[in-house]
Amino acid sequence: MLFRLAALNSDYAACIDADRLEDWPDFFLDDCLYKITTADNHRRGYTAGVIYADSRAMLRDRVAALREANIYERHAYRQKNHAQKARAKDGSWSWEIVHGQPADRAPRW
C-alpha cells in the first residue's frame, strides 16, 4: 500500500513539475478537501487559508483562474515530499501528505 501511495505522490509531483495543471485535479475525488494555509494561521487554529477547495470542480476553477484570469510573474516550484499517511476512516481509506513541519518543530536557521 505504501509503495502505491509513494508512486501516486511521485506522479502528482511530476504533473505539477511539468506544468500539466489541467490534469492536476484528476488526482482528487469529486468530493475532496484541499487547503493551503500559512504556518502562523495553522498554529493559531485559523481555518481560512490561501487556497480552499472542497470539490474537484473548485480545483479546476482555480487552475482556470490561474491560466486565464490571474497574471503573475513566472514561478519556479520546488517539491518537498514528506510523510505519507494512510488510514481507514469509516470503512474507506483516507490519504494525506504532510508537507513541512509544525511551526514548533521547524528548523531555525
PDB file of N, CA and C in Angstrom:
ATOM      1  N   MET A   1       0.819  -1.191   0.000  1.00  0.00           N
ATOM      2  CA  MET A   1       0.000   0.000   0.000  1.00  0.00           C
ATOM      3  C   MET A   1       0.872   1.268   0.000  1.00  0.00           C
ATOM      4  N   LEU A   2       1.899   1.279   0.852  1.00  0.00           N
ATOM      5  CA  LEU A   2       2.744   2.473   0.933  1.00  0.00           C
ATOM      6  C   LEU A   2       3.477   2.725  -0.383  1.00  0.00           C
ATOM      7  N   PHE A   3       3.894   1.653  -1.066  1.00  0.00           N
ATOM      8  CA  PHE A   3       4.554   1.815  -2.365  1.00  0.00           C
ATOM      9  C   PHE A   3       3.609   2.484  -3.354  1.00  0.00           C
ATOM     10  N   ARG A   4       2.343   2.071  -3.381  1.00  0.00           N
ATOM     11  CA  ARG A   4       1.369   2.676  -4.288  1.00  0.00           C
ATOM     12  C   ARG A   4       1.152   4.149  -3.954  1.00  0.00           C
ATOM     13  N   LEU A   5       1.136   4.490  -2.665  1.00  0.00           N
ATOM     14  CA  LEU A   5       0.988   5.890  -2.276  1.00  0.00           C
ATOM     15  C   LEU A   5       2.209   6.707  -2.692  1.00  0.00           C
ATOM     16  N   ALA A   6       3.386   6.132  -2.536  1.00  0.00           N
ATOM     17  CA  ALA A   6       4.606   6.830  -2.949  1.00  0.00           C
ATOM     18  C   ALA A   6       4.608   7.058  -4.456  1.00  0.00           C
ATOM     19  N   ALA A   7       4.153   6.065  -5.230  1.00  0.00           N
ATOM     20  CA  ALA A   7       4.077   6.215  -6.687  1.00  0.00           C
ATOM     21  C   ALA A   7       3.069   7.293  -7.065  1.00  0.00           C
ATOM     22  N   LEU A   8       1.924   7.315  -6.384  1.00  0.00           N
ATOM     23  CA  LEU A   8       0.916   8.343  -6.629  1.00  0.00           C
ATOM     24  C   LEU A   8       1.476   9.728  -6.310  1.00  0.00           C
ATOM     25  N   ASN A   9       2.181   9.842  -5.200  1.00  0.00           N
ATOM     26  CA  ASN A   9       2.782  11.111  -4.817  1.00  0.00           C
ATOM     27  C   ASN A   9       3.819  11.560  -5.842  1.00  0.00           C
ATOM     28  N   SER A  10       4.586  10.631  -6.367  1.00  0.00           N
ATOM     29  CA  SER A  10       5.573  10.947  -7.401  1.00  0.00           C
ATOM     30  C   SER A  10       4.887  11.425  -8.677  1.00  0.00           C
ATOM     31  N   ASP A  11       3.805  10.748  -9.087  1.00  0.00           N
ATOM     32  CA  ASP A  11       3.053  11.162 -10.270  1.00  0.00           C
ATOM     33  C   ASP A  11       2.438  12.547 -10.066  1.00  0.00           C
ATOM     34  N   TYR A  12       1.948  12.806  -8.862  1.00  0.00           N
ATOM     35  CA  TYR A  12       1.367  14.097  -8.504  1.00  0.00           C
ATOM     36  C   TYR A  12       2.414  15.209  -8.683  1.00  0.00           C
ATOM     37  N   ALA A  13       3.596  14.993  -8.124  1.00  0.00           N
ATOM     38  CA  ALA A  13       4.672  15.984  -8.222  1.00  0.00           C
ATOM     39  C   ALA A  13       5.106  16.180  -9.670  1.00  0.00           C
ATOM     40  N   ALA A  14       5.207  15.092 -10.437  1.00  0.00           N
ATOM     41  CA  ALA A  14       5.613  15.195 -11.842  1.00  0.00           C
ATOM     42  C   ALA A  14       4.595  15.989 -12.648  1.00  0.00           C
ATOM     43  N   CYS A  15       3.319  15.834 -12.347  1.00  0.00           N
ATOM     44  CA  CYS A  15       2.261  16.579 -13.034  1.00  0.00           C
ATOM     45  C   CYS A  15       2.452  18.083 -12.824  1.00  0.00           C
ATOM     46  N   ILE A  16       2.718  18.462 -11.585  1.00  0.00           N
ATOM     47  CA  ILE A  16       2.925  19.882 -11.277  1.00  0.00           C
ATOM     48  C   ILE A  16       4.228  20.370 -11.905  1.00  0.00           C
ATOM     49  N   ASP A  17       5.287  19.582 -11.772  1.00  0.00           N
ATOM     50  CA  ASP A  17       6.588  19.983 -12.321  1.00  0.00           C
ATOM     51  C   ASP A  17       6.543  20.191 -13.831  1.00  0.00           C
ATOM     52  N   ALA A  18       5.711  19.408 -14.525  1.00  0.00           N
ATOM     53  CA  ALA A  18       5.593  19.515 -15.980  1.00  0.00           C
ATOM     54  C   ALA A  18       4.562  20.571 -16.397  1.00  0.00           C
ATOM     55  N   ASP A  19       4.026  21.305 -15.438  1.00  0.00           N
ATOM     56  CA  ASP A  19       3.033  22.363 -15.687  1.00  0.00           C
ATOM     57  C   ASP A  19       1.779  21.808 -16.373  1.00  0.00           C
ATOM     58  N   ARG A  20       1.418  20.581 -16.017  1.00  0.00           N
ATOM     59  CA  ARG A  20       0.182  19.973 -16.524  1.00  0.00           C
ATOM     60  C   ARG A  20      -0.931  20.228 -15.508  1.00  0.00           C
ATOM     61  N   LEU A  21      -1.148  21.482 -15.183  1.00  0.00           N
ATOM     62  CA  LEU A  21      -2.091  21.835 -14.128  1.00  0.00           C
ATOM     63  C   LEU A  21      -3.528  21.444 -14.457  1.00  0.00           C
ATOM     64  N   GLU A  22      -3.868  21.393 -15.733  1.00  0.00           N
ATOM     65  CA  GLU A  22      -5.218  20.977 -16.094  1.00  0.00           C
ATOM     66  C   GLU A  22      -5.470  19.508 -15.727  1.00  0.00           C
ATOM     67  N   ASP A  23      -4.411  18.707 -15.636  1.00  0.00           N
ATOM     68  CA  ASP A  23      -4.529  17.305 -15.235  1.00  0.00           C
ATOM     69  C   ASP A  23      -4.505  17.130 -13.719  1.00  0.00           C
ATOM     70  N   TRP A  24      -4.005  18.119 -13.005  1.00  0.00           N
ATOM     71  CA  TRP A  24      -3.811  18.032 -11.561  1.00  0.00           C
ATOM     72  C   TRP A  24      -5.091  17.689 -10.796  1.00  0.00           C
ATOM     73  N   PRO A  25      -6.264  18.279 -11.098  1.00  0.00           N
ATOM     74  CA  PRO A  25      -7.464  17.919 -10.331  1.00  0.00           C
ATOM     75  C   PRO A  25      -7.859  16.448 -10.443  1.00  0.00           C
ATOM     76  N   ASP A  26      -7.373  15.750 -11.462  1.00  0.00           N
ATOM     77  CA  ASP A  26      -7.696  14.332 -11.609  1.00  0.00           C
ATOM     78  C   ASP A  26      -7.103  13.473 -10.493  1.00  0.00           C
ATOM     79  N   PHE A  27      -6.192  14.018  -9.710  1.00  0.00           N
ATOM     80  CA  PHE A  27      -5.632  13.293  -8.567  1.00  0.00           C
ATOM     81  C   PHE A  27      -6.580  13.302  -7.369  1.00  0.00           C
ATOM     82  N   PHE A  28      -7.693  14.022  -7.468  1.00  0.00           N
ATOM     83  CA  PHE A  28      -8.632  14.172  -6.364  1.00  0.00           C
ATOM     84  C   PHE A  28      -9.977  13.538  -6.695  1.00  0.00           C
ATOM     85  N   LEU A  29     -10.713  13.155  -5.666  1.00  0.00           N
ATOM     86  CA  LEU A  29     -12.090  12.699  -5.835  1.00  0.00           C
ATOM     87  C   LEU A  29     -12.972  13.909  -6.118  1.00  0.00           C
ATOM     88  N   ASP A  30     -14.181  13.657  -6.650  1.00  0.00           N
ATOM     89  CA  ASP A  30     -15.112  14.767  -6.878  1.00  0.00           C
ATOM     90  C   ASP A  30     -15.386  15.524  -5.583  1.00  0.00           C
ATOM     91  N   ASP A  31     -15.556  14.802  -4.494  1.00  0.00           N
ATOM     92  CA  ASP A  31     -15.797  15.387  -3.179  1.00  0.00           C
ATOM     93  C   ASP A  31     -14.492  15.295  -2.394  1.00  0.00           C
ATOM     94  N   CYS A  32     -13.744  16.390  -2.347  1.00  0.00           N
ATOM     95  CA  CYS A  32     -12.430  16.375  -1.706  1.00  0.00           C
ATOM     96  C   CYS A  32     -12.268  17.637  -0.860  1.00  0.00           C
ATOM     97  N   LEU A  33     -11.157  17.712  -0.177  1.00  0.00           N
ATOM     98  CA  LEU A  33     -10.829  18.917   0.584  1.00  0.00           C
ATOM     99  C   LEU A  33      -9.360  19.227   0.357  1.00  0.00           C
ATOM    100  N   TYR A  34      -9.095  20.428  -0.140  1.00  0.00           N
ATOM    101  CA  TYR A  34      -7.723  20.874  -0.425  1.00  0.00           C
ATOM    102  C   TYR A  34      -7.557  22.243   0.213  1.00  0.00           C
ATOM    103  N   LYS A  35      -6.614  22.351   1.147  1.00  0.00           N
ATOM    104  CA  LYS A  35      -6.386  23.622   1.837  1.00  0.00           C
ATOM    105  C   LYS A  35      -4.893  23.912   1.883  1.00  0.00           C
ATOM    106  N   ILE A  36      -4.574  25.167   1.672  1.00  0.00           N
ATOM    107  CA  ILE A  36      -3.217  25.657   1.908  1.00  0.00           C
ATOM    108  C   ILE A  36      -3.367  26.845   2.841  1.00  0.00           C
ATOM    109  N   THR A  37      -2.603  26.840   3.889  1.00  0.00           N
ATOM    110  CA  THR A  37      -2.635  27.952   4.832  1.00  0.00           C
ATOM    111  C   THR A  37      -1.209  28.267   5.270  1.00  0.00           C
ATOM    112  N   THR A  38      -1.054  29.343   5.970  1.00  0.00           N
ATOM    113  CA  THR A  38       0.271  29.697   6.483  1.00  0.00           C
ATOM    114  C   THR A  38       0.519  28.947   7.787  1.00  0.00           C
ATOM    115  N   ALA A  39       1.782  28.782   8.137  1.00  0.00           N
ATOM    116  CA  ALA A  39       2.128  28.120   9.400  1.00  0.00           C
ATOM    117  C   ALA A  39       1.554  28.907  10.580  1.00  0.00           C
ATOM    118  N   ASP A  40       1.571  30.230  10.495  1.00  0.00           N
ATOM    119  CA  ASP A  40       1.042  31.058  11.570  1.00  0.00           C
ATOM    120  C   ASP A  40      -0.463  30.842  11.748  1.00  0.00           C
ATOM    121  N   ASN A  41      -1.220  30.832  10.647  1.00  0.00           N
ATOM    122  CA  ASN A  41      -2.662  30.591  10.745  1.00  0.00           C
ATOM    123  C   ASN A  41      -2.947  29.196  11.299  1.00  0.00           C
ATOM    124  N   HIS A  42      -2.183  28.206  10.881  1.00  0.00           N
ATOM    125  CA  HIS A  42      -2.370  26.847  11.378  1.00  0.00           C
ATOM    126  C   HIS A  42      -2.123  26.784  12.881  1.00  0.00           C
ATOM    127  N   ARG A  43      -1.036  27.400  13.329  1.00  0.00           N
ATOM    128  CA  ARG A  43      -0.686  27.409  14.746  1.00  0.00           C
ATOM    129  C   ARG A  43      -1.776  28.074  15.576  1.00  0.00           C
ATOM    130  N   ARG A  44      -2.398  29.114  15.030  1.00  0.00           N
ATOM    131  CA  ARG A  44      -3.448  29.843  15.761  1.00  0.00           C
ATOM    132  C   ARG A  44      -4.824  29.182  15.641  1.00  0.00           C
ATOM    133  N   GLY A  45      -4.910  28.128  14.816  1.00  0.00           N
ATOM    134  CA  GLY A  45      -6.181  27.438  14.666  1.00  0.00           C
ATOM    135  C   GLY A  45      -7.133  28.105  13.694  1.00  0.00           C
ATOM    136  N   TYR A  46      -6.630  29.034  12.875  1.00  0.00           N
ATOM    137  CA  TYR A  46      -7.479  29.702  11.886  1.00  0.00           C
ATOM    138  C   TYR A  46      -7.726  28.746  10.717  1.00  0.00           C
ATOM    139  N   THR A  47      -8.969  28.666  10.294  1.00  0.00           N
ATOM    140  CA  THR A  47      -9.286  27.743   9.206  1.00  0.00           C
ATOM    141  C   THR A  47      -9.143  28.389   7.830  1.00  0.00           C
ATOM    142  N   ALA A  48      -9.175  29.700   7.767  1.00  0.00           N
ATOM    143  CA  ALA A  48      -9.033  30.384   6.473  1.00  0.00           C
ATOM    144  C   ALA A  48      -7.626  30.169   5.944  1.00  0.00           C
ATOM    145  N   GLY A  49      -7.547  29.980   4.651  1.00  0.00           N
ATOM    146  CA  GLY A  49      -6.244  29.731   4.061  1.00  0.00           C
ATOM    147  C   GLY A  49      -6.049  30.512   2.788  1.00  0.00           C
ATOM    148  N   VAL A  50      -4.898  30.331   2.204  1.00  0.00           N
ATOM    149  CA  VAL A  50      -4.577  30.969   0.944  1.00  0.00           C
ATOM    150  C   VAL A  50      -5.423  30.347  -0.171  1.00  0.00           C
ATOM    151  N   ILE A  51      -5.575  29.016  -0.109  1.00  0.00           N
ATOM    152  CA  ILE A  51      -6.409  28.293  -1.075  1.00  0.00           C
ATOM    153  C   ILE A  51      -7.310  27.350  -0.293  1.00  0.00           C
ATOM    154  N   TYR A  52      -8.584  27.310  -0.701  1.00  0.00           N
ATOM    155  CA  TYR A  52      -9.550  26.382  -0.109  1.00  0.00           C
ATOM    156  C   TYR A  52     -10.425  25.862  -1.240  1.00  0.00           C
ATOM    157  N   ALA A  53     -10.544  24.558  -1.341  1.00  0.00           N
ATOM    158  CA  ALA A  53     -11.432  23.949  -2.336  1.00  0.00           C
ATOM    159  C   ALA A  53     -12.024  22.694  -1.720  1.00  0.00           C
ATOM    160  N   ASP A  54     -13.334  22.523  -1.882  1.00  0.00           N
ATOM    161  CA  ASP A  54     -13.971  21.333  -1.333  1.00  0.00           C
ATOM    162  C   ASP A  54     -14.573  20.440  -2.411  1.00  0.00           C
ATOM    163  N   SER A  55     -14.071  20.593  -3.637  1.00  0.00           N
ATOM    164  CA  SER A  55     -14.507  19.704  -4.721  1.00  0.00           C
ATOM    165  C   SER A  55     -13.488  19.763  -5.860  1.00  0.00           C
ATOM    166  N   ARG A  56     -13.522  18.739  -6.688  1.00  0.00           N
ATOM    167  CA  ARG A  56     -12.655  18.726  -7.868  1.00  0.00           C
ATOM    168  C   ARG A  56     -13.009  19.886  -8.797  1.00  0.00           C
ATOM    169  N   ALA A  57     -14.295  20.216  -8.874  1.00  0.00           N
ATOM    170  CA  ALA A  57     -14.721  21.336  -9.718  1.00  0.00           C
ATOM    171  C   ALA A  57     -14.092  22.651  -9.254  1.00  0.00           C
ATOM    172  N   MET A  58     -13.990  22.843  -7.946  1.00  0.00           N
ATOM    173  CA  MET A  58     -13.344  24.061  -7.442  1.00  0.00           C
ATOM    174  C   MET A  58     -11.859  24.080  -7.803  1.00  0.00           C
ATOM    175  N   LEU A  59     -11.213  22.915  -7.775  1.00  0.00           N
ATOM    176  CA  LEU A  59      -9.806  22.849  -8.171  1.00  0.00           C
ATOM    177  C   LEU A  59      -9.637  23.189  -9.647  1.00  0.00           C
ATOM    178  N   ARG A  60     -10.541  22.676 -10.484  1.00  0.00           N
ATOM    179  CA  ARG A  60     -10.495  23.019 -11.915  1.00  0.00           C
ATOM    180  C   ARG A  60     -10.685  24.523 -12.110  1.00  0.00           C
ATOM    181  N   ASP A  61     -11.572  25.118 -11.327  1.00  0.00           N
ATOM    182  CA  ASP A  61     -11.799  26.556 -11.394  1.00  0.00           C
ATOM    183  C   ASP A  61     -10.534  27.327 -11.013  1.00  0.00           C
ATOM    184  N   ARG A  62      -9.818  26.864  -9.994  1.00  0.00           N
ATOM    185  CA  ARG A  62      -8.575  27.527  -9.570  1.00  0.00           C
ATOM    186  C   ARG A  62      -7.535  27.463 -10.680  1.00  0.00           C
ATOM    187  N   VAL A  63      -7.438  26.321 -11.358  1.00  0.00           N
ATOM    188  CA  VAL A  63      -6.490  26.188 -12.474  1.00  0.00           C
ATOM    189  C   VAL A  63      -6.881  27.141 -13.605  1.00  0.00           C
ATOM    190  N   ALA A  64      -8.175  27.182 -13.934  1.00  0.00           N
ATOM    191  CA  ALA A  64      -8.639  28.086 -14.999  1.00  0.00           C
ATOM    192  C   ALA A  64      -8.343  29.535 -14.633  1.00  0.00           C
ATOM    193  N   ALA A  65      -8.573  29.903 -13.383  1.00  0.00           N
ATOM    194  CA  ALA A  65      -8.281  31.275 -12.953  1.00  0.00           C
ATOM    195  C   ALA A  65      -6.790  31.572 -13.062  1.00  0.00           C
ATOM    196  N   LEU A  66      -5.982  30.609 -12.674  1.00  0.00           N
ATOM    197  CA  LEU A  66      -4.530  30.791 -12.769  1.00  0.00           C
ATOM    198  C   LEU A  66      -4.096  30.989 -14.215  1.00  0.00           C
ATOM    199  N   ARG A  67      -4.657  30.206 -15.109  1.00  0.00           N
ATOM    200  CA  ARG A  67      -4.260  30.277 -16.513  1.00  0.00           C
ATOM    201  C   ARG A  67      -4.838  31.487 -17.238  1.00  0.00           C
ATOM    202  N   GLU A  68      -6.067  31.876 -16.917  1.00  0.00           N
ATOM    203  CA  GLU A  68      -6.776  32.869 -17.721  1.00  0.00           C
ATOM    204  C   GLU A  68      -6.982  34.224 -17.053  1.00  0.00           C
ATOM    205  N   ALA A  69      -7.186  34.241 -15.753  1.00  0.00           N
ATOM    206  CA  ALA A  69      -7.577  35.493 -15.108  1.00  0.00           C
ATOM    207  C   ALA A  69      -6.456  36.148 -14.307  1.00  0.00           C
ATOM    208  N   ASN A  70      -5.698  35.360 -13.598  1.00  0.00           N
ATOM    209  CA  ASN A  70      -4.650  35.908 -12.740  1.00  0.00           C
ATOM    210  C   ASN A  70      -3.359  36.054 -13.535  1.00  0.00           C
ATOM    211  N   ILE A  71      -2.742  37.189 -13.427  1.00  0.00           N
ATOM    212  CA  ILE A  71      -1.488  37.447 -14.126  1.00  0.00           C
ATOM    213  C   ILE A  71      -0.375  37.530 -13.080  1.00  0.00           C
ATOM    214  N   TYR A  72       0.568  36.628 -13.184  1.00  0.00           N
ATOM    215  CA  TYR A  72       1.696  36.568 -12.249  1.00  0.00           C
ATOM    216  C   TYR A  72       2.991  36.511 -13.036  1.00  0.00           C
ATOM    217  N   GLU A  73       4.059  36.899 -12.363  1.00  0.00           N
ATOM    218  CA  GLU A  73       5.372  36.649 -12.933  1.00  0.00           C
ATOM    219  C   GLU A  73       5.602  35.142 -12.925  1.00  0.00           C
ATOM    220  N   ARG A  74       6.457  34.690 -13.809  1.00  0.00           N
ATOM    221  CA  ARG A  74       6.754  33.253 -13.886  1.00  0.00           C
ATOM    222  C   ARG A  74       7.250  32.760 -12.532  1.00  0.00           C
ATOM    223  N   HIS A  75       6.740  31.594 -12.123  1.00  0.00           N
ATOM    224  CA  HIS A  75       7.115  30.993 -10.850  1.00  0.00           C
ATOM    225  C   HIS A  75       8.010  29.782 -11.064  1.00  0.00           C
ATOM    226  N   ALA A  76       8.799  29.499 -10.075  1.00  0.00           N
ATOM    227  CA  ALA A  76       9.542  28.240 -10.012  1.00  0.00           C
ATOM    228  C   ALA A  76       9.055  27.519  -8.761  1.00  0.00           C
ATOM    229  N   TYR A  77       8.858  26.214  -8.869  1.00  0.00           N
ATOM    230  CA  TYR A  77       8.341  25.436  -7.759  1.00  0.00           C
ATOM    231  C   TYR A  77       9.359  24.407  -7.323  1.00  0.00           C
ATOM    232  N   ARG A  78       9.314  24.077  -6.069  1.00  0.00           N
ATOM    233  CA  ARG A  78      10.183  23.048  -5.518  1.00  0.00           C
ATOM    234  C   ARG A  78       9.305  22.063  -4.763  1.00  0.00           C
ATOM    235  N   GLN A  79       9.370  20.800  -5.133  1.00  0.00           N
ATOM    236  CA  GLN A  79       8.574  19.777  -4.462  1.00  0.00           C
ATOM    237  C   GLN A  79       9.290  19.336  -3.197  1.00  0.00           C
ATOM    238  N   LYS A  80       8.566  19.319  -2.115  1.00  0.00           N
ATOM    239  CA  LYS A  80       9.088  18.800  -0.854  1.00  0.00           C
ATOM    240  C   LYS A  80       8.118  17.731  -0.383  1.00  0.00           C
ATOM    241  N   ASN A  81       8.398  16.502  -0.733  1.00  0.00           N
ATOM    242  CA  ASN A  81       7.515  15.404  -0.357  1.00  0.00           C
ATOM    243  C   ASN A  81       7.956  14.850   0.982  1.00  0.00           C
ATOM    244  N   HIS A  82       7.015  14.828   1.885  1.00  0.00           N
ATOM    245  CA  HIS A  82       7.311  14.391   3.254  1.00  0.00           C
ATOM    246  C   HIS A  82       6.472  13.176   3.603  1.00  0.00           C
ATOM    247  N   ALA A  83       6.162  13.052   4.846  1.00  0.00           N
ATOM    248  CA  ALA A  83       5.470  11.878   5.370  1.00  0.00           C
ATOM    249  C   ALA A  83       4.158  11.622   4.638  1.00  0.00           C
ATOM    250  N   GLN A  84       3.910  10.365   4.383  1.00  0.00           N
ATOM    251  CA  GLN A  84       2.648   9.955   3.775  1.00  0.00           C
ATOM    252  C   GLN A  84       1.896   9.121   4.790  1.00  0.00           C
ATOM    253  N   LYS A  85       0.610   9.396   4.924  1.00  0.00           N
ATOM    254  CA  LYS A  85      -0.213   8.672   5.874  1.00  0.00           C
ATOM    255  C   LYS A  85      -1.390   8.038   5.149  1.00  0.00           C
ATOM    256  N   ALA A  86      -1.698   6.831   5.511  1.00  0.00           N
ATOM    257  CA  ALA A  86      -2.907   6.174   5.005  1.00  0.00           C
ATOM    258  C   ALA A  86      -3.595   5.564   6.208  1.00  0.00           C
ATOM    259  N   ARG A  87      -4.897   5.753   6.293  1.00  0.00           N
ATOM    260  CA  ARG A  87      -5.619   5.189   7.418  1.00  0.00           C
ATOM    261  C   ARG A  87      -7.058   4.894   7.006  1.00  0.00           C
ATOM    262  N   ALA A  88      -7.632   3.900   7.655  1.00  0.00           N
ATOM    263  CA  ALA A  88      -9.033   3.574   7.405  1.00  0.00           C
ATOM    264  C   ALA A  88      -9.897   4.586   8.143  1.00  0.00           C
ATOM    265  N   LYS A  89     -10.919   5.056   7.472  1.00  0.00           N
ATOM    266  CA  LYS A  89     -11.818   6.036   8.077  1.00  0.00           C
ATOM    267  C   LYS A  89     -13.233   5.680   7.645  1.00  0.00           C
ATOM    268  N   ASP A  90     -14.041   5.248   8.582  1.00  0.00           N
ATOM    269  CA  ASP A  90     -15.424   4.873   8.298  1.00  0.00           C
ATOM    270  C   ASP A  90     -15.512   3.835   7.177  1.00  0.00           C
ATOM    271  N   GLY A  91     -14.630   2.862   7.195  1.00  0.00           N
ATOM    272  CA  GLY A  91     -14.667   1.803   6.200  1.00  0.00           C
ATOM    273  C   GLY A  91     -14.004   2.152   4.878  1.00  0.00           C
ATOM    274  N   SER A  92     -13.524   3.369   4.717  1.00  0.00           N
ATOM    275  CA  SER A  92     -12.830   3.748   3.488  1.00  0.00           C
ATOM    276  C   SER A  92     -11.453   4.278   3.850  1.00  0.00           C
ATOM    277  N   TRP A  93     -10.607   4.403   2.842  1.00  0.00           N
ATOM    278  CA  TRP A  93      -9.247   4.862   3.091  1.00  0.00           C
ATOM    279  C   TRP A  93      -9.149   6.360   2.922  1.00  0.00           C
ATOM    280  N   SER A  94      -8.372   6.977   3.770  1.00  0.00           N
ATOM    281  CA  SER A  94      -8.063   8.396   3.682  1.00  0.00           C
ATOM    282  C   SER A  94      -6.559   8.504   3.481  1.00  0.00           C
ATOM    283  N   TRP A  95      -6.130   9.420   2.649  1.00  0.00           N
ATOM    284  CA  TRP A  95      -4.712   9.577   2.356  1.00  0.00           C
ATOM    285  C   TRP A  95      -4.331  11.024   2.566  1.00  0.00           C
ATOM    286  N   GLU A  96      -3.187  11.257   3.148  1.00  0.00           N
ATOM    287  CA  GLU A  96      -2.748  12.605   3.464  1.00  0.00           C
ATOM    288  C   GLU A  96      -1.243  12.672   3.277  1.00  0.00           C
ATOM    289  N   ILE A  97      -0.789  13.758   2.691  1.00  0.00           N
ATOM    290  CA  ILE A  97       0.647  14.026   2.612  1.00  0.00           C
ATOM    291  C   ILE A  97       0.907  15.223   3.497  1.00  0.00           C
ATOM    292  N   VAL A  98       1.848  15.094   4.378  1.00  0.00           N
ATOM    293  CA  VAL A  98       2.185  16.174   5.287  1.00  0.00           C
ATOM    294  C   VAL A  98       3.413  16.879   4.734  1.00  0.00           C
ATOM    295  N   HIS A  99       3.258  18.125   4.372  1.00  0.00           N
ATOM    296  CA  HIS A  99       4.369  18.934   3.864  1.00  0.00           C
ATOM    297  C   HIS A  99       4.867  19.829   4.981  1.00  0.00           C
ATOM    298  N   GLY A 100       6.156  19.879   5.128  1.00  0.00           N
ATOM    299  CA  GLY A 100       6.734  20.764   6.128  1.00  0.00           C
ATOM    300  C   GLY A 100       6.633  20.167   7.518  1.00  0.00           C
ATOM    301  N   GLN A 101       6.884  21.008   8.488  1.00  0.00           N
ATOM    302  CA  GLN A 101       6.858  20.589   9.880  1.00  0.00           C
ATOM    303  C   GLN A 101       5.997  21.558  10.658  1.00  0.00           C
ATOM    304  N   PRO A 102       5.442  21.115  11.782  1.00  0.00           N
ATOM    305  CA  PRO A 102       4.733  22.067  12.629  1.00  0.00           C
ATOM    306  C   PRO A 102       5.667  23.197  13.031  1.00  0.00           C
ATOM    307  N   ALA A 103       5.114  24.375  13.208  1.00  0.00           N
ATOM    308  CA  ALA A 103       5.930  25.567  13.486  1.00  0.00           C
ATOM    309  C   ALA A 103       6.825  25.373  14.713  1.00  0.00           C
ATOM    310  N   ASP A 104       6.356  24.635  15.712  1.00  0.00           N
ATOM    311  CA  ASP A 104       7.173  24.463  16.921  1.00  0.00           C
ATOM    312  C   ASP A 104       8.334  23.491  16.720  1.00  0.00           C
ATOM    313  N   ARG A 105       8.348  22.762  15.580  1.00  0.00           N
ATOM    314  CA  ARG A 105       9.456  21.838  15.293  1.00  0.00           C
ATOM    315  C   ARG A 105      10.223  22.244  14.046  1.00  0.00           C
ATOM    316  N   ALA A 106       9.892  23.386  13.474  1.00  0.00           N
ATOM    317  CA  ALA A 106      10.569  23.823  12.250  1.00  0.00           C
ATOM    318  C   ALA A 106      12.024  24.174  12.557  1.00  0.00           C
ATOM    319  N   PRO A 107      12.919  23.881  11.619  1.00  0.00           N
ATOM    320  CA  PRO A 107      14.316  24.228  11.858  1.00  0.00           C
ATOM    321  C   PRO A 107      14.502  25.732  11.967  1.00  0.00           C
ATOM    322  N   ARG A 108      15.379  26.141  12.822  1.00  0.00           N
ATOM    323  CA  ARG A 108      15.680  27.573  12.978  1.00  0.00           C
ATOM    324  C   ARG A 108      17.073  27.822  12.387  1.00  0.00           C
ATOM    325  N   TRP A 109      17.136  28.705  11.440  1.00  0.00           N
ATOM    326  CA  TRP A 109      18.390  28.951  10.711  1.00  0.00           C
ATOM    327  C   TRP A 109      19.173  30.046  11.357  1.00  0.00           C
TER     328      TRP A 109
END
